[in-house]
Amino acid sequence: MALPTAVAAILAMMSARLSAEPFTEEFPRLLGDRGLSLRAAARLAGVGPGHLSRALRGADGKTPGPQLIERLAVALGLPEDYFPEVREARVLSAVRADAALRDRLYFELHPDRRG
């Protein structure tokens, strides 16, 4: 299904400065680009290196939460919403808080469902 024009335009605009890659794939690459170890990144973000390592591996069935991902992005000098997981969490929060927004988005994606 093709994306609605408004959604496609927003995605094109943000792709210039934000990552489309998942945190667990992009973060190790960013560390390598900056010559940082996992331990150094954890220290910069104020989290324990073991906690960060487990989160990246998905240990205990857990994935990094948006707050941790935001902290790590900022620690690397990136916008706090650099990673898609943070943007997704913000969108979900906004949609959950605003039924009208939820319906506008839904009908933008599914115009055939308008009554």
PDB file of N, CA and C in Angstrom:
ATOM      1  N   MET A   1       0.852  -1.177   0.000  1.00  0.00           N
ATOM      2  CA  MET A   1       0.000   0.000   0.000  1.00  0.00           C
ATOM      3  C   MET A   1       0.895   1.236   0.000  1.00  0.00           C
ATOM      4  N   ALA A   2       0.607   2.186  -0.842  1.00  0.00           N
ATOM      5  CA  ALA A   2       1.378   3.427  -0.900  1.00  0.00           C
ATOM      6  C   ALA A   2       1.038   4.306   0.293  1.00  0.00           C
ATOM      7  N   LEU A   3       2.047   5.016   0.749  1.00  0.00           N
ATOM      8  CA  LEU A   3       1.818   5.929   1.865  1.00  0.00           C
ATOM      9  C   LEU A   3       1.065   7.158   1.380  1.00  0.00           C
ATOM     10  N   PRO A   4       0.156   7.690   2.215  1.00  0.00           N
ATOM     11  CA  PRO A   4      -0.480   8.958   1.850  1.00  0.00           C
ATOM     12  C   PRO A   4       0.582  10.035   1.669  1.00  0.00           C
ATOM     13  N   THR A   5       0.296  10.989   0.821  1.00  0.00           N
ATOM     14  CA  THR A   5       1.259  12.037   0.473  1.00  0.00           C
ATOM     15  C   THR A   5       1.800  12.755   1.695  1.00  0.00           C
ATOM     16  N   ALA A   6       0.947  13.112   2.646  1.00  0.00           N
ATOM     17  CA  ALA A   6       1.390  13.848   3.838  1.00  0.00           C
ATOM     18  C   ALA A   6       2.372  13.011   4.653  1.00  0.00           C
ATOM     19  N   VAL A   7       2.094  11.741   4.814  1.00  0.00           N
ATOM     20  CA  VAL A   7       2.973  10.863   5.592  1.00  0.00           C
ATOM     21  C   VAL A   7       4.304  10.693   4.865  1.00  0.00           C
ATOM     22  N   ALA A   8       4.270  10.499   3.562  1.00  0.00           N
ATOM     23  CA  ALA A   8       5.499  10.344   2.778  1.00  0.00           C
ATOM     24  C   ALA A   8       6.362  11.595   2.858  1.00  0.00           C
ATOM     25  N   ALA A   9       5.741  12.762   2.824  1.00  0.00           N
ATOM     26  CA  ALA A   9       6.494  14.020   2.905  1.00  0.00           C
ATOM     27  C   ALA A   9       7.174  14.165   4.260  1.00  0.00           C
ATOM     28  N   ILE A  10       6.479  13.812   5.308  1.00  0.00           N
ATOM     29  CA  ILE A  10       7.058  13.896   6.652  1.00  0.00           C
ATOM     30  C   ILE A  10       8.239  12.938   6.771  1.00  0.00           C
ATOM     31  N   LEU A  11       8.091  11.733   6.289  1.00  0.00           N
ATOM     32  CA  LEU A  11       9.181  10.749   6.360  1.00  0.00           C
ATOM     33  C   LEU A  11      10.400  11.211   5.576  1.00  0.00           C
ATOM     34  N   ALA A  12      10.194  11.792   4.411  1.00  0.00           N
ATOM     35  CA  ALA A  12      11.316  12.270   3.603  1.00  0.00           C
ATOM     36  C   ALA A  12      12.038  13.412   4.305  1.00  0.00           C
ATOM     37  N   MET A  13      11.287  14.309   4.924  1.00  0.00           N
ATOM     38  CA  MET A  13      11.877  15.461   5.594  1.00  0.00           C
ATOM     39  C   MET A  13      12.714  15.028   6.800  1.00  0.00           C
ATOM     40  N   MET A  14      12.196  14.108   7.592  1.00  0.00           N
ATOM     41  CA  MET A  14      12.914  13.730   8.808  1.00  0.00           C
ATOM     42  C   MET A  14      14.089  12.804   8.536  1.00  0.00           C
ATOM     43  N   SER A  15      14.073  12.097   7.419  1.00  0.00           N
ATOM     44  CA  SER A  15      15.140  11.133   7.153  1.00  0.00           C
ATOM     45  C   SER A  15      16.500  11.809   6.996  1.00  0.00           C
ATOM     46  N   ALA A  16      16.505  13.095   6.719  1.00  0.00           N
ATOM     47  CA  ALA A  16      17.771  13.797   6.533  1.00  0.00           C
ATOM     48  C   ALA A  16      18.557  13.908   7.839  1.00  0.00           C
ATOM     49  N   ARG A  17      17.894  13.916   8.987  1.00  0.00           N
ATOM     50  CA  ARG A  17      18.607  14.112  10.238  1.00  0.00           C
ATOM     51  C   ARG A  17      18.332  13.063  11.306  1.00  0.00           C
ATOM     52  N   LEU A  18      17.451  12.114  11.009  1.00  0.00           N
ATOM     53  CA  LEU A  18      17.083  11.092  11.979  1.00  0.00           C
ATOM     54  C   LEU A  18      17.318   9.707  11.393  1.00  0.00           C
ATOM     55  N   SER A  19      17.570   8.759  12.266  1.00  0.00           N
ATOM     56  CA  SER A  19      17.820   7.395  11.818  1.00  0.00           C
ATOM     57  C   SER A  19      16.520   6.664  11.530  1.00  0.00           C
ATOM     58  N   ALA A  20      16.537   5.849  10.497  1.00  0.00           N
ATOM     59  CA  ALA A  20      15.434   4.946  10.219  1.00  0.00           C
ATOM     60  C   ALA A  20      15.772   3.543  10.721  1.00  0.00           C
ATOM     61  N   GLU A  21      17.037   3.334  11.084  1.00  0.00           N
ATOM     62  CA  GLU A  21      17.494   2.018  11.553  1.00  0.00           C
ATOM     63  C   GLU A  21      17.147   1.824  13.026  1.00  0.00           C
ATOM     64  N   PRO A  22      16.795   0.617  13.419  1.00  0.00           N
ATOM     65  CA  PRO A  22      16.518   0.356  14.836  1.00  0.00           C
ATOM     66  C   PRO A  22      17.746   0.650  15.706  1.00  0.00           C
ATOM     67  N   PHE A  23      17.475   1.037  16.920  1.00  0.00           N
ATOM     68  CA  PHE A  23      18.530   1.377  17.871  1.00  0.00           C
ATOM     69  C   PHE A  23      19.573   0.276  17.975  1.00  0.00           C
ATOM     70  N   THR A  24      19.139  -0.968  18.110  1.00  0.00           N
ATOM     71  CA  THR A  24      20.085  -2.069  18.327  1.00  0.00           C
ATOM     72  C   THR A  24      20.997  -2.303  17.131  1.00  0.00           C
ATOM     73  N   GLU A  25      20.612  -1.818  15.955  1.00  0.00           N
ATOM     74  CA  GLU A  25      21.475  -1.933  14.782  1.00  0.00           C
ATOM     75  C   GLU A  25      22.339  -0.683  14.598  1.00  0.00           C
ATOM     76  N   GLU A  26      21.757   0.474  14.829  1.00  0.00           N
ATOM     77  CA  GLU A  26      22.443   1.736  14.582  1.00  0.00           C
ATOM     78  C   GLU A  26      23.438   2.095  15.684  1.00  0.00           C
ATOM     79  N   PHE A  27      23.095   1.806  16.920  1.00  0.00           N
ATOM     80  CA  PHE A  27      23.926   2.223  18.047  1.00  0.00           C
ATOM     81  C   PHE A  27      25.346   1.660  17.978  1.00  0.00           C
ATOM     82  N   PRO A  28      25.534   0.367  17.744  1.00  0.00           N
ATOM     83  CA  PRO A  28      26.914  -0.149  17.635  1.00  0.00           C
ATOM     84  C   PRO A  28      27.711   0.530  16.520  1.00  0.00           C
ATOM     85  N   ARG A  29      27.047   0.832  15.410  1.00  0.00           N
ATOM     86  CA  ARG A  29      27.725   1.520  14.312  1.00  0.00           C
ATOM     87  C   ARG A  29      28.166   2.911  14.745  1.00  0.00           C
ATOM     88  N   LEU A  30      27.298   3.600  15.452  1.00  0.00           N
ATOM     89  CA  LEU A  30      27.629   4.945  15.935  1.00  0.00           C
ATOM     90  C   LEU A  30      28.797   4.907  16.915  1.00  0.00           C
ATOM     91  N   LEU A  31      28.815   3.898  17.772  1.00  0.00           N
ATOM     92  CA  LEU A  31      29.940   3.764  18.711  1.00  0.00           C
ATOM     93  C   LEU A  31      31.242   3.604  17.936  1.00  0.00           C
ATOM     94  N   GLY A  32      31.223   2.735  16.924  1.00  0.00           N
ATOM     95  CA  GLY A  32      32.415   2.520  16.108  1.00  0.00           C
ATOM     96  C   GLY A  32      32.850   3.782  15.391  1.00  0.00           C
ATOM     97  N   ASP A  33      31.891   4.516  14.833  1.00  0.00           N
ATOM     98  CA  ASP A  33      32.205   5.769  14.137  1.00  0.00           C
ATOM     99  C   ASP A  33      32.866   6.780  15.066  1.00  0.00           C
ATOM    100  N   ARG A  34      32.463   6.760  16.331  1.00  0.00           N
ATOM    101  CA  ARG A  34      32.982   7.731  17.298  1.00  0.00           C
ATOM    102  C   ARG A  34      34.173   7.198  18.091  1.00  0.00           C
ATOM    103  N   GLY A  35      34.532   5.937  17.857  1.00  0.00           N
ATOM    104  CA  GLY A  35      35.640   5.341  18.585  1.00  0.00           C
ATOM    105  C   GLY A  35      35.345   5.171  20.065  1.00  0.00           C
ATOM    106  N   LEU A  36      34.081   4.921  20.397  1.00  0.00           N
ATOM    107  CA  LEU A  36      33.673   4.760  21.791  1.00  0.00           C
ATOM    108  C   LEU A  36      33.407   3.304  22.112  1.00  0.00           C
ATOM    109  N   SER A  37      33.717   2.926  23.309  1.00  0.00           N
ATOM    110  CA  SER A  37      33.346   1.604  23.790  1.00  0.00           C
ATOM    111  C   SER A  37      31.940   1.677  24.380  1.00  0.00           C
ATOM    112  N   LEU A  38      31.357   0.519  24.569  1.00  0.00           N
ATOM    113  CA  LEU A  38      30.054   0.441  25.220  1.00  0.00           C
ATOM    114  C   LEU A  38      30.140   1.021  26.628  1.00  0.00           C
ATOM    115  N   ARG A  39      31.222   0.712  27.308  1.00  0.00           N
ATOM    116  CA  ARG A  39      31.432   1.219  28.671  1.00  0.00           C
ATOM    117  C   ARG A  39      31.485   2.748  28.682  1.00  0.00           C
ATOM    118  N   ALA A  40      32.182   3.343  27.722  1.00  0.00           N
ATOM    119  CA  ALA A  40      32.289   4.808  27.652  1.00  0.00           C
ATOM    120  C   ALA A  40      30.931   5.434  27.360  1.00  0.00           C
ATOM    121  N   ALA A  41      30.181   4.846  26.447  1.00  0.00           N
ATOM    122  CA  ALA A  41      28.850   5.366  26.122  1.00  0.00           C
ATOM    123  C   ALA A  41      27.926   5.278  27.329  1.00  0.00           C
ATOM    124  N   ALA A  42      27.998   4.165  28.034  1.00  0.00           N
ATOM    125  CA  ALA A  42      27.169   4.007  29.237  1.00  0.00           C
ATOM    126  C   ALA A  42      27.520   5.074  30.269  1.00  0.00           C
ATOM    127  N   ARG A  43      28.800   5.319  30.443  1.00  0.00           N
ATOM    128  CA  ARG A  43      29.244   6.339  31.404  1.00  0.00           C
ATOM    129  C   ARG A  43      28.720   7.717  30.995  1.00  0.00           C
ATOM    130  N   LEU A  44      28.812   8.049  29.702  1.00  0.00           N
ATOM    131  CA  LEU A  44      28.323   9.338  29.212  1.00  0.00           C
ATOM    132  C   LEU A  44      26.824   9.510  29.455  1.00  0.00           C
ATOM    133  N   ALA A  45      26.093   8.419  29.352  1.00  0.00           N
ATOM    134  CA  ALA A  45      24.636   8.468  29.525  1.00  0.00           C
ATOM    135  C   ALA A  45      24.210   8.276  30.969  1.00  0.00           C
ATOM    136  N   GLY A  46      25.156   7.949  31.830  1.00  0.00           N
ATOM    137  CA  GLY A  46      24.827   7.764  33.244  1.00  0.00           C
ATOM    138  C   GLY A  46      24.107   6.463  33.545  1.00  0.00           C
ATOM    139  N   VAL A  47      24.423   5.423  32.773  1.00  0.00           N
ATOM    140  CA  VAL A  47      23.841   4.099  33.024  1.00  0.00           C
ATOM    141  C   VAL A  47      24.969   3.094  33.207  1.00  0.00           C
ATOM    142  N   GLY A  48      24.653   1.990  33.821  1.00  0.00           N
ATOM    143  CA  GLY A  48      25.658   0.958  34.020  1.00  0.00           C
ATOM    144  C   GLY A  48      25.969   0.235  32.723  1.00  0.00           C
ATOM    145  N   PRO A  49      27.230  -0.108  32.493  1.00  0.00           N
ATOM    146  CA  PRO A  49      27.582  -0.814  31.257  1.00  0.00           C
ATOM    147  C   PRO A  49      26.925  -2.183  31.146  1.00  0.00           C
ATOM    148  N   GLY A  50      26.745  -2.857  32.265  1.00  0.00           N
ATOM    149  CA  GLY A  50      26.081  -4.161  32.231  1.00  0.00           C
ATOM    150  C   GLY A  50      24.621  -4.026  31.805  1.00  0.00           C
ATOM    151  N   HIS A  51      23.965  -3.011  32.342  1.00  0.00           N
ATOM    152  CA  HIS A  51      22.562  -2.755  31.975  1.00  0.00           C
ATOM    153  C   HIS A  51      22.455  -2.476  30.478  1.00  0.00           C
ATOM    154  N   LEU A  52      23.338  -1.639  29.962  1.00  0.00           N
ATOM    155  CA  LEU A  52      23.318  -1.299  28.543  1.00  0.00           C
ATOM    156  C   LEU A  52      23.613  -2.531  27.685  1.00  0.00           C
ATOM    157  N   SER A  53      24.586  -3.314  28.086  1.00  0.00           N
ATOM    158  CA  SER A  53      24.934  -4.524  27.336  1.00  0.00           C
ATOM    159  C   SER A  53      23.749  -5.491  27.273  1.00  0.00           C
ATOM    160  N   ARG A  54      23.095  -5.701  28.418  1.00  0.00           N
ATOM    161  CA  ARG A  54      21.930  -6.603  28.445  1.00  0.00           C
ATOM    162  C   ARG A  54      20.801  -6.060  27.575  1.00  0.00           C
ATOM    163  N   ALA A  55      20.581  -4.747  27.611  1.00  0.00           N
ATOM    164  CA  ALA A  55      19.518  -4.133  26.811  1.00  0.00           C
ATOM    165  C   ALA A  55      19.794  -4.308  25.320  1.00  0.00           C
ATOM    166  N   LEU A  56      21.034  -4.141  24.922  1.00  0.00           N
ATOM    167  CA  LEU A  56      21.388  -4.295  23.502  1.00  0.00           C
ATOM    168  C   LEU A  56      21.235  -5.737  23.031  1.00  0.00           C
ATOM    169  N   ARG A  57      21.504  -6.670  23.909  1.00  0.00           N
ATOM    170  CA  ARG A  57      21.397  -8.093  23.560  1.00  0.00           C
ATOM    171  C   ARG A  57      19.971  -8.602  23.666  1.00  0.00           C
ATOM    172  N   GLY A  58      19.093  -7.816  24.296  1.00  0.00           N
ATOM    173  CA  GLY A  58      17.732  -8.275  24.515  1.00  0.00           C
ATOM    174  C   GLY A  58      17.674  -9.325  25.606  1.00  0.00           C
ATOM    175  N   ALA A  59      18.669  -9.288  26.510  1.00  0.00           N
ATOM    176  CA  ALA A  59      18.716 -10.257  27.598  1.00  0.00           C
ATOM    177  C   ALA A  59      17.480 -10.111  28.473  1.00  0.00           C
ATOM    178  N   ASP A  60      17.050 -11.199  29.042  1.00  0.00           N
ATOM    179  CA  ASP A  60      15.878 -11.239  29.914  1.00  0.00           C
ATOM    180  C   ASP A  60      14.610 -10.825  29.174  1.00  0.00           C
ATOM    181  N   GLY A  61      14.630 -10.910  27.837  1.00  0.00           N
ATOM    182  CA  GLY A  61      13.462 -10.552  27.045  1.00  0.00           C
ATOM    183  C   GLY A  61      13.159  -9.065  27.016  1.00  0.00           C
ATOM    184  N   LYS A  62      14.109  -8.258  27.456  1.00  0.00           N
ATOM    185  CA  LYS A  62      13.888  -6.817  27.513  1.00  0.00           C
ATOM    186  C   LYS A  62      14.618  -6.134  26.368  1.00  0.00           C
ATOM    187  N   THR A  63      14.000  -5.104  25.870  1.00  0.00           N
ATOM    188  CA  THR A  63      14.640  -4.258  24.872  1.00  0.00           C
ATOM    189  C   THR A  63      14.829  -2.878  25.504  1.00  0.00           C
ATOM    190  N   PRO A  64      15.742  -2.097  24.970  1.00  0.00           N
ATOM    191  CA  PRO A  64      15.957  -0.766  25.541  1.00  0.00           C
ATOM    192  C   PRO A  64      14.689   0.082  25.437  1.00  0.00           C
ATOM    193  N   GLY A  65      14.345   0.740  26.533  1.00  0.00           N
ATOM    194  CA  GLY A  65      13.182   1.609  26.531  1.00  0.00           C
ATOM    195  C   GLY A  65      13.500   2.955  25.910  1.00  0.00           C
ATOM    196  N   PRO A  66      12.465   3.701  25.536  1.00  0.00           N
ATOM    197  CA  PRO A  66      12.701   4.989  24.879  1.00  0.00           C
ATOM    198  C   PRO A  66      13.479   5.985  25.738  1.00  0.00           C
ATOM    199  N   GLN A  67      13.313   5.946  27.048  1.00  0.00           N
ATOM    200  CA  GLN A  67      14.053   6.883  27.902  1.00  0.00           C
ATOM    201  C   GLN A  67      15.551   6.598  27.853  1.00  0.00           C
ATOM    202  N   LEU A  68      15.922   5.332  27.900  1.00  0.00           N
ATOM    203  CA  LEU A  68      17.335   4.963  27.809  1.00  0.00           C
ATOM    204  C   LEU A  68      17.886   5.343  26.438  1.00  0.00           C
ATOM    205  N   ILE A  69      17.132   5.071  25.406  1.00  0.00           N
ATOM    206  CA  ILE A  69      17.578   5.378  24.054  1.00  0.00           C
ATOM    207  C   ILE A  69      17.764   6.890  23.884  1.00  0.00           C
ATOM    208  N   GLU A  70      16.845   7.686  24.430  1.00  0.00           N
ATOM    209  CA  GLU A  70      16.986   9.148  24.386  1.00  0.00           C
ATOM    210  C   GLU A  70      18.285   9.588  25.056  1.00  0.00           C
ATOM    211  N   ARG A  71      18.543   9.057  26.243  1.00  0.00           N
ATOM    212  CA  ARG A  71      19.752   9.428  26.990  1.00  0.00           C
ATOM    213  C   ARG A  71      21.015   9.099  26.208  1.00  0.00           C
ATOM    214  N   LEU A  72      21.004   7.949  25.571  1.00  0.00           N
ATOM    215  CA  LEU A  72      22.176   7.541  24.799  1.00  0.00           C
ATOM    216  C   LEU A  72      22.355   8.406  23.556  1.00  0.00           C
ATOM    217  N   ALA A  73      21.262   8.762  22.907  1.00  0.00           N
ATOM    218  CA  ALA A  73      21.355   9.646  21.737  1.00  0.00           C
ATOM    219  C   ALA A  73      21.975  10.978  22.138  1.00  0.00           C
ATOM    220  N   VAL A  74      21.482  11.555  23.206  1.00  0.00           N
ATOM    221  CA  VAL A  74      22.004  12.850  23.671  1.00  0.00           C
ATOM    222  C   VAL A  74      23.467  12.714  24.065  1.00  0.00           C
ATOM    223  N   ALA A  75      23.812  11.616  24.728  1.00  0.00           N
ATOM    224  CA  ALA A  75      25.203  11.389  25.133  1.00  0.00           C
ATOM    225  C   ALA A  75      26.136  11.316  23.925  1.00  0.00           C
ATOM    226  N   LEU A  76      25.608  10.885  22.783  1.00  0.00           N
ATOM    227  CA  LEU A  76      26.409  10.807  21.563  1.00  0.00           C
ATOM    228  C   LEU A  76      26.333  12.089  20.736  1.00  0.00           C
ATOM    229  N   GLY A  77      25.654  13.099  21.267  1.00  0.00           N
ATOM    230  CA  GLY A  77      25.557  14.373  20.568  1.00  0.00           C
ATOM    231  C   GLY A  77      24.509  14.393  19.467  1.00  0.00           C
ATOM    232  N   LEU A  78      23.547  13.510  19.569  1.00  0.00           N
ATOM    233  CA  LEU A  78      22.480  13.412  18.582  1.00  0.00           C
ATOM    234  C   LEU A  78      21.191  13.998  19.149  1.00  0.00           C
ATOM    235  N   PRO A  79      20.227  14.320  18.288  1.00  0.00           N
ATOM    236  CA  PRO A  79      18.922  14.755  18.803  1.00  0.00           C
ATOM    237  C   PRO A  79      18.308  13.631  19.638  1.00  0.00           C
ATOM    238  N   GLU A  80      17.572  13.972  20.670  1.00  0.00           N
ATOM    239  CA  GLU A  80      16.997  12.937  21.538  1.00  0.00           C
ATOM    240  C   GLU A  80      16.040  12.025  20.780  1.00  0.00           C
ATOM    241  N   ASP A  81      15.466  12.498  19.688  1.00  0.00           N
ATOM    242  CA  ASP A  81      14.547  11.687  18.903  1.00  0.00           C
ATOM    243  C   ASP A  81      15.217  11.069  17.667  1.00  0.00           C
ATOM    244  N   TYR A  82      16.527  10.925  17.704  1.00  0.00           N
ATOM    245  CA  TYR A  82      17.290  10.391  16.576  1.00  0.00           C
ATOM    246  C   TYR A  82      16.840   8.976  16.204  1.00  0.00           C
ATOM    247  N   PHE A  83      16.578   8.149  17.193  1.00  0.00           N
ATOM    248  CA  PHE A  83      16.237   6.746  16.944  1.00  0.00           C
ATOM    249  C   PHE A  83      14.727   6.581  16.783  1.00  0.00           C
ATOM    250  N   PRO A  84      14.294   5.701  15.869  1.00  0.00           N
ATOM    251  CA  PRO A  84      12.860   5.554  15.592  1.00  0.00           C
ATOM    252  C   PRO A  84      12.045   5.069  16.787  1.00  0.00           C
ATOM    253  N   GLU A  85      12.655   4.337  17.701  1.00  0.00           N
ATOM    254  CA  GLU A  85      11.911   3.844  18.860  1.00  0.00           C
ATOM    255  C   GLU A  85      11.406   4.996  19.732  1.00  0.00           C
ATOM    256  N   VAL A  86      12.188   6.064  19.814  1.00  0.00           N
ATOM    257  CA  VAL A  86      11.770   7.227  20.605  1.00  0.00           C
ATOM    258  C   VAL A  86      10.604   7.926  19.916  1.00  0.00           C
ATOM    259  N   ARG A  87      10.706   8.115  18.610  1.00  0.00           N
ATOM    260  CA  ARG A  87       9.619   8.764  17.874  1.00  0.00           C
ATOM    261  C   ARG A  87       8.346   7.935  17.952  1.00  0.00           C
ATOM    262  N   GLU A  88       8.497   6.629  17.824  1.00  0.00           N
ATOM    263  CA  GLU A  88       7.329   5.748  17.908  1.00  0.00           C
ATOM    264  C   GLU A  88       6.662   5.852  19.273  1.00  0.00           C
ATOM    265  N   ALA A  89       7.453   5.857  20.326  1.00  0.00           N
ATOM    266  CA  ALA A  89       6.895   5.965  21.674  1.00  0.00           C
ATOM    267  C   ALA A  89       6.143   7.285  21.848  1.00  0.00           C
ATOM    268  N   ARG A  90       6.677   8.360  21.288  1.00  0.00           N
ATOM    269  CA  ARG A  90       6.010   9.665  21.388  1.00  0.00           C
ATOM    270  C   ARG A  90       4.709   9.678  20.600  1.00  0.00           C
ATOM    271  N   VAL A  91       4.721   9.074  19.415  1.00  0.00           N
ATOM    272  CA  VAL A  91       3.499   9.017  18.614  1.00  0.00           C
ATOM    273  C   VAL A  91       2.441   8.198  19.344  1.00  0.00           C
ATOM    274  N   LEU A  92       2.829   7.047  19.853  1.00  0.00           N
ATOM    275  CA  LEU A  92       1.874   6.201  20.571  1.00  0.00           C
ATOM    276  C   LEU A  92       1.298   6.922  21.784  1.00  0.00           C
ATOM    277  N   SER A  93       2.141   7.626  22.500  1.00  0.00           N
ATOM    278  CA  SER A  93       1.670   8.381  23.664  1.00  0.00           C
ATOM    279  C   SER A  93       0.663   9.453  23.240  1.00  0.00           C
ATOM    280  N   ALA A  94       0.964  10.162  22.167  1.00  0.00           N
ATOM    281  CA  ALA A  94       0.057  11.213  21.687  1.00  0.00           C
ATOM    282  C   ALA A  94      -1.266  10.623  21.209  1.00  0.00           C
ATOM    283  N   VAL A  95      -1.195   9.502  20.499  1.00  0.00           N
ATOM    284  CA  VAL A  95      -2.412   8.860  19.994  1.00  0.00           C
ATOM    285  C   VAL A  95      -3.264   8.346  21.145  1.00  0.00           C
ATOM    286  N   ARG A  96      -2.626   7.779  22.145  1.00  0.00           N
ATOM    287  CA  ARG A  96      -3.376   7.270  23.300  1.00  0.00           C
ATOM    288  C   ARG A  96      -4.042   8.399  24.082  1.00  0.00           C
ATOM    289  N   ALA A  97      -3.427   9.570  24.059  1.00  0.00           N
ATOM    290  CA  ALA A  97      -3.955  10.710  24.817  1.00  0.00           C
ATOM    291  C   ALA A  97      -5.006  11.497  24.042  1.00  0.00           C
ATOM    292  N   ASP A  98      -5.138  11.266  22.749  1.00  0.00           N
ATOM    293  CA  ASP A  98      -6.012  12.100  21.923  1.00  0.00           C
ATOM    294  C   ASP A  98      -6.761  11.230  20.917  1.00  0.00           C
ATOM    295  N   ALA A  99      -8.017  10.905  21.238  1.00  0.00           N
ATOM    296  CA  ALA A  99      -8.814  10.039  20.374  1.00  0.00           C
ATOM    297  C   ALA A  99      -9.029  10.668  19.003  1.00  0.00           C
ATOM    298  N   ALA A 100      -9.163  11.985  18.945  1.00  0.00           N
ATOM    299  CA  ALA A 100      -9.365  12.649  17.653  1.00  0.00           C
ATOM    300  C   ALA A 100      -8.122  12.482  16.772  1.00  0.00           C
ATOM    301  N   LEU A 101      -6.946  12.601  17.376  1.00  0.00           N
ATOM    302  CA  LEU A 101      -5.700  12.386  16.632  1.00  0.00           C
ATOM    303  C   LEU A 101      -5.634  10.955  16.125  1.00  0.00           C
ATOM    304  N   ARG A 102      -5.974  10.016  16.980  1.00  0.00           N
ATOM    305  CA  ARG A 102      -5.980   8.605  16.583  1.00  0.00           C
ATOM    306  C   ARG A 102      -6.846   8.399  15.351  1.00  0.00           C
ATOM    307  N   ASP A 103      -8.049   8.960  15.379  1.00  0.00           N
ATOM    308  CA  ASP A 103      -8.961   8.762  14.264  1.00  0.00           C
ATOM    309  C   ASP A 103      -8.492   9.484  12.997  1.00  0.00           C
ATOM    310  N   ARG A 104      -7.924  10.689  13.135  1.00  0.00           N
ATOM    311  CA  ARG A 104      -7.391  11.398  11.966  1.00  0.00           C
ATOM    312  C   ARG A 104      -6.295  10.577  11.293  1.00  0.00           C
ATOM    313  N   LEU A 105      -5.394  10.039  12.087  1.00  0.00           N
ATOM    314  CA  LEU A 105      -4.320   9.220  11.525  1.00  0.00           C
ATOM    315  C   LEU A 105      -4.869   7.955  10.883  1.00  0.00           C
ATOM    316  N   TYR A 106      -5.794   7.338  11.552  1.00  0.00           N
ATOM    317  CA  TYR A 106      -6.367   6.104  11.025  1.00  0.00           C
ATOM    318  C   TYR A 106      -7.017   6.339   9.664  1.00  0.00           C
ATOM    319  N   PHE A 107      -7.827   7.390   9.577  1.00  0.00           N
ATOM    320  CA  PHE A 107      -8.536   7.639   8.323  1.00  0.00           C
ATOM    321  C   PHE A 107      -7.613   8.187   7.241  1.00  0.00           C
ATOM    322  N   GLU A 108      -6.496   8.788   7.624  1.00  0.00           N
ATOM    323  CA  GLU A 108      -5.493   9.188   6.630  1.00  0.00           C
ATOM    324  C   GLU A 108      -4.869   7.943   6.010  1.00  0.00           C
ATOM    325  N   LEU A 109      -4.649   6.926   6.811  1.00  0.00           N
ATOM    326  CA  LEU A 109      -4.060   5.674   6.330  1.00  0.00           C
ATOM    327  C   LEU A 109      -5.094   4.742   5.670  1.00  0.00           C
ATOM    328  N   HIS A 110      -6.357   4.883   6.065  1.00  0.00           N
ATOM    329  CA  HIS A 110      -7.420   4.009   5.563  1.00  0.00           C
ATOM    330  C   HIS A 110      -8.622   4.841   5.118  1.00  0.00           C
ATOM    331  N   PRO A 111      -8.485   5.612   4.048  1.00  0.00           N
ATOM    332  CA  PRO A 111      -9.590   6.487   3.625  1.00  0.00           C
ATOM    333  C   PRO A 111     -10.857   5.706   3.230  1.00  0.00           C
ATOM    334  N   ASP A 112     -10.693   4.449   2.851  1.00  0.00           N
ATOM    335  CA  ASP A 112     -11.832   3.623   2.485  1.00  0.00           C
ATOM    336  C   ASP A 112     -12.740   3.301   3.675  1.00  0.00           C
ATOM    337  N   ARG A 113     -12.264   3.544   4.892  1.00  0.00           N
ATOM    338  CA  ARG A 113     -13.039   3.221   6.099  1.00  0.00           C
ATOM    339  C   ARG A 113     -13.886   4.392   6.596  1.00  0.00           C
ATOM    340  N   ARG A 114     -13.796   5.528   5.917  1.00  0.00           N
ATOM    341  CA  ARG A 114     -14.618   6.677   6.334  1.00  0.00           C
ATOM    342  C   ARG A 114     -16.082   6.342   6.123  1.00  0.00           C
ATOM    343  N   GLY A 115     -16.863   6.735   7.104  1.00  0.00           N
ATOM    344  CA  GLY A 115     -18.281   6.424   7.041  1.00  0.00           C
ATOM    345  C   GLY A 115     -19.035   7.389   6.321  1.00  0.00           C
TER     346      GLY A 115
END
